[in-house]
PDB file of N, CA and C in Angstrom:
ATOM      1  N   UNK A   1      27.085  72.681 -95.617  1.00  0.00           N
ATOM      2  CA  UNK A   1      25.988  71.830 -96.061  1.00  0.00           C
ATOM      3  C   UNK A   1      25.158  71.426 -94.857  1.00  0.00           C
ATOM      4  N   UNK A   2      23.857  71.481 -95.007  1.00  0.00           N
ATOM      5  CA  UNK A   2      22.976  71.114 -93.899  1.00  0.00           C
ATOM      6  C   UNK A   2      22.864  69.602 -93.777  1.00  0.00           C
ATOM      7  N   UNK A   3      22.448  69.186 -92.607  1.00  0.00           N
ATOM      8  CA  UNK A   3      22.266  67.766 -92.358  1.00  0.00           C
ATOM      9  C   UNK A   3      21.021  67.265 -93.090  1.00  0.00           C
ATOM     10  N   UNK A   4      21.080  66.056 -93.588  1.00  0.00           N
ATOM     11  CA  UNK A   4      19.940  65.429 -94.243  1.00  0.00           C
ATOM     12  C   UNK A   4      19.082  64.798 -93.152  1.00  0.00           C
ATOM     13  N   UNK A   5      17.794  65.024 -93.229  1.00  0.00           N
ATOM     14  CA  UNK A   5      16.884  64.510 -92.208  1.00  0.00           C
ATOM     15  C   UNK A   5      16.607  63.034 -92.435  1.00  0.00           C
ATOM     16  N   UNK A   6      16.612  62.269 -91.356  1.00  0.00           N
ATOM     17  CA  UNK A   6      16.271  60.852 -91.414  1.00  0.00           C
ATOM     18  C   UNK A   6      14.792  60.702 -91.073  1.00  0.00           C
ATOM     19  N   UNK A   7      14.026  60.116 -91.965  1.00  0.00           N
ATOM     20  CA  UNK A   7      12.608  59.881 -91.719  1.00  0.00           C
ATOM     21  C   UNK A   7      12.454  58.489 -91.138  1.00  0.00           C
ATOM     22  N   UNK A   8      12.029  58.443 -89.907  1.00  0.00           N
ATOM     23  CA  UNK A   8      11.850  57.162 -89.218  1.00  0.00           C
ATOM     24  C   UNK A   8      10.639  56.443 -89.804  1.00  0.00           C
ATOM     25  N   UNK A   9      10.884  55.441 -90.607  1.00  0.00           N
ATOM     26  CA  UNK A   9       9.794  54.654 -91.160  1.00  0.00           C
ATOM     27  C   UNK A   9      10.232  53.195 -91.241  1.00  0.00           C
ATOM     28  N   UNK A  10       9.240  52.320 -91.121  1.00  0.00           N
ATOM     29  CA  UNK A  10       9.542  50.900 -91.193  1.00  0.00           C
ATOM     30  C   UNK A  10       8.310  50.142 -91.662  1.00  0.00           C
ATOM     31  N   UNK A  11       8.542  48.959 -92.177  1.00  0.00           N
ATOM     32  CA  UNK A  11       7.447  48.118 -92.644  1.00  0.00           C
ATOM     33  C   UNK A  11       6.553  47.713 -91.477  1.00  0.00           C
ATOM     34  N   UNK A  12       7.152  47.487 -90.319  1.00  0.00           N
ATOM     35  CA  UNK A  12       6.363  47.029 -89.171  1.00  0.00           C
ATOM     36  C   UNK A  12       5.500  48.135 -88.559  1.00  0.00           C
ATOM     37  N   UNK A  13       5.842  49.401 -88.792  1.00  0.00           N
ATOM     38  CA  UNK A  13       5.057  50.520 -88.266  1.00  0.00           C
ATOM     39  C   UNK A  13       4.234  51.115 -89.405  1.00  0.00           C
ATOM     40  N   UNK A  14       2.983  50.657 -89.535  1.00  0.00           N
ATOM     41  CA  UNK A  14       2.116  51.052 -90.651  1.00  0.00           C
ATOM     42  C   UNK A  14       1.974  52.567 -90.737  1.00  0.00           C
ATOM     43  N   UNK A  15       1.885  53.245 -89.617  1.00  0.00           N
ATOM     44  CA  UNK A  15       1.693  54.686 -89.603  1.00  0.00           C
ATOM     45  C   UNK A  15       2.887  55.484 -90.074  1.00  0.00           C
ATOM     46  N   UNK A  16       4.065  54.880 -90.117  1.00  0.00           N
ATOM     47  CA  UNK A  16       5.270  55.611 -90.505  1.00  0.00           C
ATOM     48  C   UNK A  16       5.621  55.471 -91.985  1.00  0.00           C
ATOM     49  N   UNK A  17       4.915  54.624 -92.680  1.00  0.00           N
ATOM     50  CA  UNK A  17       5.273  54.318 -94.068  1.00  0.00           C
ATOM     51  C   UNK A  17       5.095  55.521 -94.988  1.00  0.00           C
ATOM     52  N   UNK A  18       6.007  55.627 -95.943  1.00  0.00           N
ATOM     53  CA  UNK A  18       5.962  56.682 -96.955  1.00  0.00           C
ATOM     54  C   UNK A  18       5.563  56.058 -98.281  1.00  0.00           C
ATOM     55  N   UNK A  19       4.780  56.807 -99.083  1.00  0.00           N
ATOM     56  CA  UNK A  19       4.246  56.270-100.322  1.00  0.00           C
ATOM     57  C   UNK A  19       4.874  56.890-101.559  1.00  0.00           C
ATOM     58  N   UNK A  20       5.148  58.153-101.508  1.00  0.00           N
ATOM     59  CA  UNK A  20       5.697  58.867-102.647  1.00  0.00           C
ATOM     60  C   UNK A  20       6.248  60.185-102.133  1.00  0.00           C
ATOM     61  N   UNK A  21       6.744  61.020-103.018  1.00  0.00           N
ATOM     62  CA  UNK A  21       7.374  62.277-102.621  1.00  0.00           C
ATOM     63  C   UNK A  21       6.496  63.114-101.709  1.00  0.00           C
ATOM     64  N   UNK A  22       5.197  63.250-102.035  1.00  0.00           N
ATOM     65  CA  UNK A  22       4.323  64.101-101.238  1.00  0.00           C
ATOM     66  C   UNK A  22       4.140  63.598 -99.812  1.00  0.00           C
ATOM     67  N   UNK A  23       4.356  62.334 -99.555  1.00  0.00           N
ATOM     68  CA  UNK A  23       4.144  61.822 -98.206  1.00  0.00           C
ATOM     69  C   UNK A  23       5.237  62.264 -97.240  1.00  0.00           C
ATOM     70  N   UNK A  24       6.304  62.858 -97.747  1.00  0.00           N
ATOM     71  CA  UNK A  24       7.346  63.408 -96.889  1.00  0.00           C
ATOM     72  C   UNK A  24       7.045  64.851 -96.505  1.00  0.00           C
ATOM     73  N   UNK A  25       6.025  65.419 -97.094  1.00  0.00           N
ATOM     74  CA  UNK A  25       5.609  66.787 -96.831  1.00  0.00           C
ATOM     75  C   UNK A  25       4.375  66.782 -95.937  1.00  0.00           C
ATOM     76  N   UNK A  26       4.027  67.919 -95.374  1.00  0.00           N
ATOM     77  CA  UNK A  26       2.774  67.969 -94.608  1.00  0.00           C
ATOM     78  C   UNK A  26       1.596  67.593 -95.512  1.00  0.00           C
ATOM     79  N   UNK A  27       0.542  67.078 -94.911  1.00  0.00           N
ATOM     80  CA  UNK A  27      -0.636  66.680 -95.681  1.00  0.00           C
ATOM     81  C   UNK A  27      -1.157  67.865 -96.496  1.00  0.00           C
ATOM     82  N   UNK A  28      -1.626  67.577 -97.721  1.00  0.00           N
ATOM     83  CA  UNK A  28      -2.155  68.625 -98.579  1.00  0.00           C
ATOM     84  C   UNK A  28      -3.546  69.030 -98.106  1.00  0.00           C
ATOM     85  N   UNK A  29      -3.826  70.320 -98.205  1.00  0.00           N
ATOM     86  CA  UNK A  29      -5.180  70.774 -97.907  1.00  0.00           C
ATOM     87  C   UNK A  29      -6.006  70.704 -99.197  1.00  0.00           C
ATOM     88  N   UNK A  30      -7.265  71.077 -99.118  1.00  0.00           N
ATOM     89  CA  UNK A  30      -8.187  70.959-100.256  1.00  0.00           C
ATOM     90  C   UNK A  30      -7.686  71.747-101.466  1.00  0.00           C
ATOM     91  N   UNK A  31      -7.181  72.950-101.238  1.00  0.00           N
ATOM     92  CA  UNK A  31      -6.696  73.774-102.352  1.00  0.00           C
ATOM     93  C   UNK A  31      -5.469  73.160-103.022  1.00  0.00           C
ATOM     94  N   UNK A  32      -4.594  72.568-102.234  1.00  0.00           N
ATOM     95  CA  UNK A  32      -3.396  71.942-102.791  1.00  0.00           C
ATOM     96  C   UNK A  32      -3.752  70.689-103.590  1.00  0.00           C
ATOM     97  N   UNK A  33      -4.712  69.917-103.102  1.00  0.00           N
ATOM     98  CA  UNK A  33      -5.178  68.747-103.857  1.00  0.00           C
ATOM     99  C   UNK A  33      -5.809  69.201-105.165  1.00  0.00           C
ATOM    100  N   UNK A  34      -6.596  70.271-105.111  1.00  0.00           N
ATOM    101  CA  UNK A  34      -7.226  70.817-106.319  1.00  0.00           C
ATOM    102  C   UNK A  34      -6.172  71.222-107.341  1.00  0.00           C
ATOM    103  N   UNK A  35      -5.078  71.819-106.900  1.00  0.00           N
ATOM    104  CA  UNK A  35      -3.995  72.210-107.820  1.00  0.00           C
ATOM    105  C   UNK A  35      -3.370  70.986-108.488  1.00  0.00           C
ATOM    106  N   UNK A  36      -3.261  69.889-107.754  1.00  0.00           N
ATOM    107  CA  UNK A  36      -2.717  68.667-108.340  1.00  0.00           C
ATOM    108  C   UNK A  36      -3.667  68.106-109.394  1.00  0.00           C
ATOM    109  N   UNK A  37      -4.968  68.148-109.126  1.00  0.00           N
ATOM    110  CA  UNK A  37      -5.957  67.693-110.106  1.00  0.00           C
ATOM    111  C   UNK A  37      -5.901  68.593-111.335  1.00  0.00           C
ATOM    112  N   UNK A  38      -5.804  69.897-111.128  1.00  0.00           N
ATOM    113  CA  UNK A  38      -5.699  70.831-112.249  1.00  0.00           C
ATOM    114  C   UNK A  38      -4.473  70.528-113.103  1.00  0.00           C
ATOM    115  N   UNK A  39      -3.363  70.179-112.459  1.00  0.00           N
ATOM    116  CA  UNK A  39      -2.141  69.829-113.182  1.00  0.00           C
ATOM    117  C   UNK A  39      -2.361  68.575-114.035  1.00  0.00           C
ATOM    118  N   UNK A  40      -2.986  67.561-113.450  1.00  0.00           N
ATOM    119  CA  UNK A  40      -3.269  66.319-114.182  1.00  0.00           C
ATOM    120  C   UNK A  40      -4.131  66.613-115.404  1.00  0.00           C
ATOM    121  N   UNK A  41      -5.167  67.420-115.222  1.00  0.00           N
ATOM    122  CA  UNK A  41      -6.067  67.778-116.329  1.00  0.00           C
ATOM    123  C   UNK A  41      -5.309  68.580-117.391  1.00  0.00           C
ATOM    124  N   UNK A  42      -4.505  69.536-116.952  1.00  0.00           N
ATOM    125  CA  UNK A  42      -3.738  70.386-117.880  1.00  0.00           C
ATOM    126  C   UNK A  42      -2.791  69.557-118.749  1.00  0.00           C
ATOM    127  N   UNK A  43      -2.224  68.512-118.156  1.00  0.00           N
ATOM    128  CA  UNK A  43      -1.303  67.634-118.890  1.00  0.00           C
ATOM    129  C   UNK A  43      -2.042  66.705-119.860  1.00  0.00           C
ATOM    130  N   UNK A  44      -3.374  66.636-119.749  1.00  0.00           N
ATOM    131  CA  UNK A  44      -4.145  65.746-120.612  1.00  0.00           C
ATOM    132  C   UNK A  44      -4.158  64.305-120.137  1.00  0.00           C
ATOM    133  N   UNK A  45      -3.776  64.090-118.890  1.00  0.00           N
ATOM    134  CA  UNK A  45      -3.758  62.741-118.332  1.00  0.00           C
ATOM    135  C   UNK A  45      -5.157  62.354-117.871  1.00  0.00           C
ATOM    136  N   UNK A  46      -5.418  61.055-117.832  1.00  0.00           N
ATOM    137  CA  UNK A  46      -6.704  60.534-117.381  1.00  0.00           C
ATOM    138  C   UNK A  46      -6.654  60.287-115.877  1.00  0.00           C
ATOM    139  N   UNK A  47      -7.492  60.979-115.118  1.00  0.00           N
ATOM    140  CA  UNK A  47      -7.487  60.783-113.668  1.00  0.00           C
ATOM    141  C   UNK A  47      -8.169  59.477-113.272  1.00  0.00           C
ATOM    142  N   UNK A  48      -7.710  58.918-112.170  1.00  0.00           N
ATOM    143  CA  UNK A  48      -8.328  57.721-111.593  1.00  0.00           C
ATOM    144  C   UNK A  48      -8.159  57.797-110.084  1.00  0.00           C
ATOM    145  N   UNK A  49      -9.052  57.140-109.392  1.00  0.00           N
ATOM    146  CA  UNK A  49      -9.014  57.083-107.931  1.00  0.00           C
ATOM    147  C   UNK A  49      -8.841  55.620-107.528  1.00  0.00           C
ATOM    148  N   UNK A  50      -7.925  55.372-106.600  1.00  0.00           N
ATOM    149  CA  UNK A  50      -7.689  54.031-106.071  1.00  0.00           C
ATOM    150  C   UNK A  50      -7.714  54.096-104.549  1.00  0.00           C
ATOM    151  N   UNK A  51      -7.945  52.949-103.913  1.00  0.00           N
ATOM    152  CA  UNK A  51      -7.951  52.905-102.451  1.00  0.00           C
ATOM    153  C   UNK A  51      -7.513  51.528-101.982  1.00  0.00           C
ATOM    154  N   UNK A  52      -7.023  51.476-100.746  1.00  0.00           N
ATOM    155  CA  UNK A  52      -6.666  50.207-100.122  1.00  0.00           C
ATOM    156  C   UNK A  52      -6.558  50.395 -98.619  1.00  0.00           C
ATOM    157  N   UNK A  53      -6.588  49.283 -97.903  1.00  0.00           N
ATOM    158  CA  UNK A  53      -6.408  49.312 -96.462  1.00  0.00           C
ATOM    159  C   UNK A  53      -4.955  49.695 -96.167  1.00  0.00           C
ATOM    160  N   UNK A  54      -4.697  50.474 -95.111  1.00  0.00           N
ATOM    161  CA  UNK A  54      -3.326  50.888 -94.807  1.00  0.00           C
ATOM    162  C   UNK A  54      -2.343  49.724 -94.682  1.00  0.00           C
ATOM    163  N   UNK A  55      -2.799  48.624 -94.089  1.00  0.00           N
ATOM    164  CA  UNK A  55      -1.885  47.490 -93.902  1.00  0.00           C
ATOM    165  C   UNK A  55      -1.553  46.775 -95.210  1.00  0.00           C
ATOM    166  N   UNK A  56      -2.320  47.033 -96.276  1.00  0.00           N
ATOM    167  CA  UNK A  56      -2.078  46.386 -97.569  1.00  0.00           C
ATOM    168  C   UNK A  56      -1.460  47.315 -98.602  1.00  0.00           C
ATOM    169  N   UNK A  57      -1.087  48.507 -98.210  1.00  0.00           N
ATOM    170  CA  UNK A  57      -0.645  49.521 -99.177  1.00  0.00           C
ATOM    171  C   UNK A  57       0.612  49.132 -99.949  1.00  0.00           C
ATOM    172  N   UNK A  58       1.429  48.244 -99.404  1.00  0.00           N
ATOM    173  CA  UNK A  58       2.687  47.921-100.073  1.00  0.00           C
ATOM    174  C   UNK A  58       2.723  46.552-100.735  1.00  0.00           C
ATOM    175  N   UNK A  59       1.954  45.618-100.264  1.00  0.00           N
ATOM    176  CA  UNK A  59       2.091  44.269-100.794  1.00  0.00           C
ATOM    177  C   UNK A  59       0.837  43.755-101.497  1.00  0.00           C
ATOM    178  N   UNK A  60      -0.057  44.650-101.866  1.00  0.00           N
ATOM    179  CA  UNK A  60      -1.273  44.290-102.595  1.00  0.00           C
ATOM    180  C   UNK A  60      -1.550  45.337-103.657  1.00  0.00           C
ATOM    181  N   UNK A  61      -2.301  44.942-104.667  1.00  0.00           N
ATOM    182  CA  UNK A  61      -2.779  45.937-105.625  1.00  0.00           C
ATOM    183  C   UNK A  61      -3.820  46.815-104.938  1.00  0.00           C
ATOM    184  N   UNK A  62      -3.896  48.054-105.349  1.00  0.00           N
ATOM    185  CA  UNK A  62      -4.916  48.956-104.824  1.00  0.00           C
ATOM    186  C   UNK A  62      -6.201  48.716-105.605  1.00  0.00           C
ATOM    187  N   UNK A  63      -7.334  48.897-104.939  1.00  0.00           N
ATOM    188  CA  UNK A  63      -8.636  48.744-105.587  1.00  0.00           C
ATOM    189  C   UNK A  63      -8.934  49.998-106.405  1.00  0.00           C
ATOM    190  N   UNK A  64      -9.461  49.821-107.593  1.00  0.00           N
ATOM    191  CA  UNK A  64      -9.846  50.975-108.389  1.00  0.00           C
ATOM    192  C   UNK A  64     -11.254  51.407-107.991  1.00  0.00           C
ATOM    193  N   UNK A  65     -11.422  52.694-107.766  1.00  0.00           N
ATOM    194  CA  UNK A  65     -12.738  53.271-107.486  1.00  0.00           C
ATOM    195  C   UNK A  65     -13.359  53.575-108.841  1.00  0.00           C
ATOM    196  N   UNK A  66     -14.320  52.789-109.220  1.00  0.00           N
ATOM    197  CA  UNK A  66     -14.958  52.901-110.528  1.00  0.00           C
ATOM    198  C   UNK A  66     -13.889  52.733-111.616  1.00  0.00           C
ATOM    199  N   UNK A  67     -14.162  53.216-112.817  1.00  0.00           N
ATOM    200  CA  UNK A  67     -13.174  53.163-113.896  1.00  0.00           C
ATOM    201  C   UNK A  67     -12.388  54.470-113.933  1.00  0.00           C
ATOM    202  N   UNK A  68     -11.221  54.483-114.588  1.00  0.00           N
ATOM    203  CA  UNK A  68     -10.540  55.772-114.767  1.00  0.00           C
ATOM    204  C   UNK A  68     -11.484  56.744-115.475  1.00  0.00           C
ATOM    205  N   UNK A  69     -11.303  58.006-115.194  1.00  0.00           N
ATOM    206  CA  UNK A  69     -12.188  59.034-115.755  1.00  0.00           C
ATOM    207  C   UNK A  69     -11.614  59.539-117.081  1.00  0.00           C
ATOM    208  N   UNK A  70     -11.701  58.677-118.098  1.00  0.00           N
ATOM    209  CA  UNK A  70     -11.121  58.965-119.402  1.00  0.00           C
ATOM    210  C   UNK A  70     -11.651  60.273-119.976  1.00  0.00           C
ATOM    211  N   UNK A  71     -10.754  61.207-120.245  1.00  0.00           N
ATOM    212  CA  UNK A  71     -11.130  62.466-120.868  1.00  0.00           C
ATOM    213  C   UNK A  71     -11.801  63.470-119.952  1.00  0.00           C
ATOM    214  N   UNK A  72     -11.921  63.157-118.677  1.00  0.00           N
ATOM    215  CA  UNK A  72     -12.597  64.082-117.746  1.00  0.00           C
ATOM    216  C   UNK A  72     -11.722  65.320-117.516  1.00  0.00           C
ATOM    217  N   UNK A  73     -12.312  66.498-117.690  1.00  0.00           N
ATOM    218  CA  UNK A  73     -11.587  67.753-117.482  1.00  0.00           C
ATOM    219  C   UNK A  73     -12.230  68.631-116.404  1.00  0.00           C
ATOM    220  N   UNK A  74     -13.340  68.183-115.844  1.00  0.00           N
ATOM    221  CA  UNK A  74     -14.017  68.945-114.805  1.00  0.00           C
ATOM    222  C   UNK A  74     -13.362  68.625-113.454  1.00  0.00           C
ATOM    223  N   UNK A  75     -12.568  69.573-112.966  1.00  0.00           N
ATOM    224  CA  UNK A  75     -11.814  69.369-111.728  1.00  0.00           C
ATOM    225  C   UNK A  75     -12.744  69.070-110.554  1.00  0.00           C
ATOM    226  N   UNK A  76     -13.861  69.771-110.468  1.00  0.00           N
ATOM    227  CA  UNK A  76     -14.777  69.550-109.344  1.00  0.00           C
ATOM    228  C   UNK A  76     -15.382  68.149-109.376  1.00  0.00           C
ATOM    229  N   UNK A  77     -15.600  67.616-110.554  1.00  0.00           N
ATOM    230  CA  UNK A  77     -16.146  66.252-110.662  1.00  0.00           C
ATOM    231  C   UNK A  77     -15.111  65.221-110.206  1.00  0.00           C
ATOM    232  N   UNK A  78     -13.853  65.445-110.562  1.00  0.00           N
ATOM    233  CA  UNK A  78     -12.776  64.535-110.138  1.00  0.00           C
ATOM    234  C   UNK A  78     -12.632  64.580-108.619  1.00  0.00           C
ATOM    235  N   UNK A  79     -12.651  65.785-108.062  1.00  0.00           N
ATOM    236  CA  UNK A  79     -12.561  65.933-106.611  1.00  0.00           C
ATOM    237  C   UNK A  79     -13.751  65.293-105.905  1.00  0.00           C
ATOM    238  N   UNK A  80     -14.933  65.406-106.505  1.00  0.00           N
ATOM    239  CA  UNK A  80     -16.131  64.790-105.924  1.00  0.00           C
ATOM    240  C   UNK A  80     -16.005  63.268-105.893  1.00  0.00           C
ATOM    241  N   UNK A  81     -15.428  62.678-106.919  1.00  0.00           N
ATOM    242  CA  UNK A  81     -15.226  61.218-106.938  1.00  0.00           C
ATOM    243  C   UNK A  81     -14.221  60.802-105.868  1.00  0.00           C
ATOM    244  N   UNK A  82     -13.155  61.578-105.685  1.00  0.00           N
ATOM    245  CA  UNK A  82     -12.169  61.273-104.647  1.00  0.00           C
ATOM    246  C   UNK A  82     -12.825  61.339-103.269  1.00  0.00           C
ATOM    247  N   UNK A  83     -13.647  62.353-103.050  1.00  0.00           N
ATOM    248  CA  UNK A  83     -14.354  62.509-101.780  1.00  0.00           C
ATOM    249  C   UNK A  83     -15.357  61.376-101.569  1.00  0.00           C
ATOM    250  N   UNK A  84     -16.053  60.979-102.630  1.00  0.00           N
ATOM    251  CA  UNK A  84     -17.016  59.877-102.531  1.00  0.00           C
ATOM    252  C   UNK A  84     -16.307  58.577-102.160  1.00  0.00           C
ATOM    253  N   UNK A  85     -15.141  58.345-102.733  1.00  0.00           N
ATOM    254  CA  UNK A  85     -14.361  57.147-102.399  1.00  0.00           C
ATOM    255  C   UNK A  85     -13.938  57.194-100.935  1.00  0.00           C
ATOM    256  N   UNK A  86     -13.480  58.351-100.506  1.00  0.00           N
ATOM    257  CA  UNK A  86     -13.051  58.505 -99.113  1.00  0.00           C
ATOM    258  C   UNK A  86     -14.214  58.286 -98.144  1.00  0.00           C
ATOM    259  N   UNK A  87     -15.387  58.805 -98.473  1.00  0.00           N
ATOM    260  CA  UNK A  87     -16.561  58.612 -97.615  1.00  0.00           C
ATOM    261  C   UNK A  87     -17.010  57.157 -97.592  1.00  0.00           C
ATOM    262  N   UNK A  88     -16.890  56.473 -98.733  1.00  0.00           N
ATOM    263  CA  UNK A  88     -17.294  55.070 -98.806  1.00  0.00           C
ATOM    264  C   UNK A  88     -16.297  54.150 -98.098  1.00  0.00           C
ATOM    265  N   UNK A  89     -15.044  54.574 -98.042  1.00  0.00           N
ATOM    266  CA  UNK A  89     -13.974  53.761 -97.440  1.00  0.00           C
ATOM    267  C   UNK A  89     -13.126  54.641 -96.511  1.00  0.00           C
ATOM    268  N   UNK A  90     -13.707  55.120 -95.401  1.00  0.00           N
ATOM    269  CA  UNK A  90     -12.999  56.093 -94.546  1.00  0.00           C
ATOM    270  C   UNK A  90     -11.742  55.550 -93.875  1.00  0.00           C
ATOM    271  N   UNK A  91     -11.613  54.243 -93.772  1.00  0.00           N
ATOM    272  CA  UNK A  91     -10.425  53.667 -93.138  1.00  0.00           C
ATOM    273  C   UNK A  91      -9.314  53.358 -94.131  1.00  0.00           C
ATOM    274  N   UNK A  92      -9.573  53.567 -95.414  1.00  0.00           N
ATOM    275  CA  UNK A  92      -8.590  53.256 -96.451  1.00  0.00           C
ATOM    276  C   UNK A  92      -7.799  54.483 -96.876  1.00  0.00           C
ATOM    277  N   UNK A  93      -6.601  54.221 -97.406  1.00  0.00           N
ATOM    278  CA  UNK A  93      -5.858  55.267 -98.095  1.00  0.00           C
ATOM    279  C   UNK A  93      -6.531  55.470 -99.447  1.00  0.00           C
ATOM    280  N   UNK A  94      -6.604  56.709 -99.902  1.00  0.00           N
ATOM    281  CA  UNK A  94      -7.168  57.026-101.214  1.00  0.00           C
ATOM    282  C   UNK A  94      -6.079  57.723-102.019  1.00  0.00           C
ATOM    283  N   UNK A  95      -5.872  57.218-103.220  1.00  0.00           N
ATOM    284  CA  UNK A  95      -4.796  57.726-104.085  1.00  0.00           C
ATOM    285  C   UNK A  95      -5.378  58.300-105.366  1.00  0.00           C
ATOM    286  N   UNK A  96      -4.853  59.442-105.777  1.00  0.00           N
ATOM    287  CA  UNK A  96      -5.185  60.059-107.048  1.00  0.00           C
ATOM    288  C   UNK A  96      -4.081  59.697-108.042  1.00  0.00           C
ATOM    289  N   UNK A  97      -4.482  59.201-109.210  1.00  0.00           N
ATOM    290  CA  UNK A  97      -3.532  58.806-110.244  1.00  0.00           C
ATOM    291  C   UNK A  97      -3.853  59.570-111.521  1.00  0.00           C
ATOM    292  N   UNK A  98      -2.813  59.981-112.230  1.00  0.00           N
ATOM    293  CA  UNK A  98      -2.975  60.581-113.554  1.00  0.00           C
ATOM    294  C   UNK A  98      -2.291  59.681-114.569  1.00  0.00           C
ATOM    295  N   UNK A  99      -3.070  59.023-115.423  1.00  0.00           N
ATOM    296  CA  UNK A  99      -2.510  58.109-116.424  1.00  0.00           C
ATOM    297  C   UNK A  99      -2.155  58.874-117.692  1.00  0.00           C
ATOM    298  N   UNK A 100      -0.912  58.724-118.117  1.00  0.00           N
ATOM    299  CA  UNK A 100      -0.399  59.376-119.312  1.00  0.00           C
ATOM    300  C   UNK A 100      -0.575  58.418-120.493  1.00  0.00           C
ATOM    301  N   UNK A 101      -1.527  58.702-121.388  1.00  0.00           N
ATOM    302  CA  UNK A 101      -1.780  57.832-122.542  1.00  0.00           C
ATOM    303  C   UNK A 101      -0.585  57.727-123.466  1.00  0.00           C
ATOM    304  N   UNK A 102       0.113  58.831-123.669  1.00  0.00           N
ATOM    305  CA  UNK A 102       1.230  58.849-124.613  1.00  0.00           C
ATOM    306  C   UNK A 102       2.359  57.933-124.149  1.00  0.00           C
ATOM    307  N   UNK A 103       2.736  58.046-122.895  1.00  0.00           N
ATOM    308  CA  UNK A 103       3.836  57.228-122.356  1.00  0.00           C
ATOM    309  C   UNK A 103       3.339  55.885-121.813  1.00  0.00           C
ATOM    310  N   UNK A 104       2.036  55.724-121.739  1.00  0.00           N
ATOM    311  CA  UNK A 104       1.397  54.517-121.217  1.00  0.00           C
ATOM    312  C   UNK A 104       1.946  54.142-119.837  1.00  0.00           C
ATOM    313  N   UNK A 105       1.892  55.140-118.959  1.00  0.00           N
ATOM    314  CA  UNK A 105       2.352  54.966-117.588  1.00  0.00           C
ATOM    315  C   UNK A 105       1.628  55.967-116.694  1.00  0.00           C
ATOM    316  N   UNK A 106       1.921  55.896-115.424  1.00  0.00           N
ATOM    317  CA  UNK A 106       1.380  56.893-114.506  1.00  0.00           C
ATOM    318  C   UNK A 106       2.224  58.153-114.599  1.00  0.00           C
ATOM    319  N   UNK A 107       1.586  59.265-114.883  1.00  0.00           N
ATOM    320  CA  UNK A 107       2.296  60.539-114.888  1.00  0.00           C
ATOM    321  C   UNK A 107       2.364  61.129-113.495  1.00  0.00           C
ATOM    322  N   UNK A 108       1.379  60.781-112.673  1.00  0.00           N
ATOM    323  CA  UNK A 108       1.328  61.256-111.292  1.00  0.00           C
ATOM    324  C   UNK A 108       0.572  60.243-110.453  1.00  0.00           C
ATOM    325  N   UNK A 109       0.959  60.128-109.206  1.00  0.00           N
ATOM    326  CA  UNK A 109       0.244  59.288-108.247  1.00  0.00           C
ATOM    327  C   UNK A 109       0.542  59.821-106.858  1.00  0.00           C
ATOM    328  N   UNK A 110      -0.505  60.086-106.088  1.00  0.00           N
ATOM    329  CA  UNK A 110      -0.302  60.624-104.747  1.00  0.00           C
ATOM    330  C   UNK A 110      -1.445  60.217-103.836  1.00  0.00           C
ATOM    331  N   UNK A 111      -1.102  59.902-102.596  1.00  0.00           N
ATOM    332  CA  UNK A 111      -2.121  59.603-101.599  1.00  0.00           C
ATOM    333  C   UNK A 111      -2.707  60.935-101.145  1.00  0.00           C
ATOM    334  N   UNK A 112      -4.025  61.102-101.314  1.00  0.00           N
ATOM    335  CA  UNK A 112      -4.655  62.360-100.936  1.00  0.00           C
ATOM    336  C   UNK A 112      -5.464  62.248 -99.656  1.00  0.00           C
ATOM    337  N   UNK A 113      -5.793  61.027 -99.245  1.00  0.00           N
ATOM    338  CA  UNK A 113      -6.438  60.784 -97.943  1.00  0.00           C
ATOM    339  C   UNK A 113      -5.746  59.581 -97.324  1.00  0.00           C
ATOM    340  N   UNK A 114      -5.310  59.735 -96.099  1.00  0.00           N
ATOM    341  CA  UNK A 114      -4.717  58.612 -95.382  1.00  0.00           C
ATOM    342  C   UNK A 114      -5.777  57.950 -94.530  1.00  0.00           C
ATOM    343  N   UNK A 115      -5.817  56.624 -94.591  1.00  0.00           N
ATOM    344  CA  UNK A 115      -6.790  55.882 -93.802  1.00  0.00           C
ATOM    345  C   UNK A 115      -6.400  55.835 -92.344  1.00  0.00           C
ATOM    346  N   UNK A 116      -7.338  55.399 -91.525  1.00  0.00           N
ATOM    347  CA  UNK A 116      -7.081  55.274 -90.092  1.00  0.00           C
ATOM    348  C   UNK A 116      -6.279  54.019 -89.828  1.00  0.00           C
ATOM    349  N   UNK A 117      -5.279  54.157 -89.000  1.00  0.00           N
ATOM    350  CA  UNK A 117      -4.448  53.011 -88.648  1.00  0.00           C
ATOM    351  C   UNK A 117      -5.144  52.186 -87.567  1.00  0.00           C
ATOM    352  N   UNK A 118      -5.060  50.887 -87.707  1.00  0.00           N
ATOM    353  CA  UNK A 118      -5.691  49.995 -86.733  1.00  0.00           C
ATOM    354  C   UNK A 118      -4.747  49.671 -85.614  1.00  0.00           C
TER     355      UNK A 118
END
């Protein structure tokens, strides 16, 4: 059996914090983010974009970028909104969320842009 890797992260080191499963992997490129959006759309989930300052990512609610995109199936439009949020708030983390209406919960949530650490 191979050794399990220890990820050095702590609350006091903002840059080391992990948010979800994808944050343990290398950052996603544009094509990989697009595949995640396609998955959300394929599942029939409602996409939404959220953002927050890196230092507030764990102990505050994230700000919603506009309203959730109810019924939106155009992947390029969803990606454009994520990019617009990132450009408007370049120092913030930007998260893509897929809301599952049937289960009334988040079906997916992932940080797609990491903000600059202060």
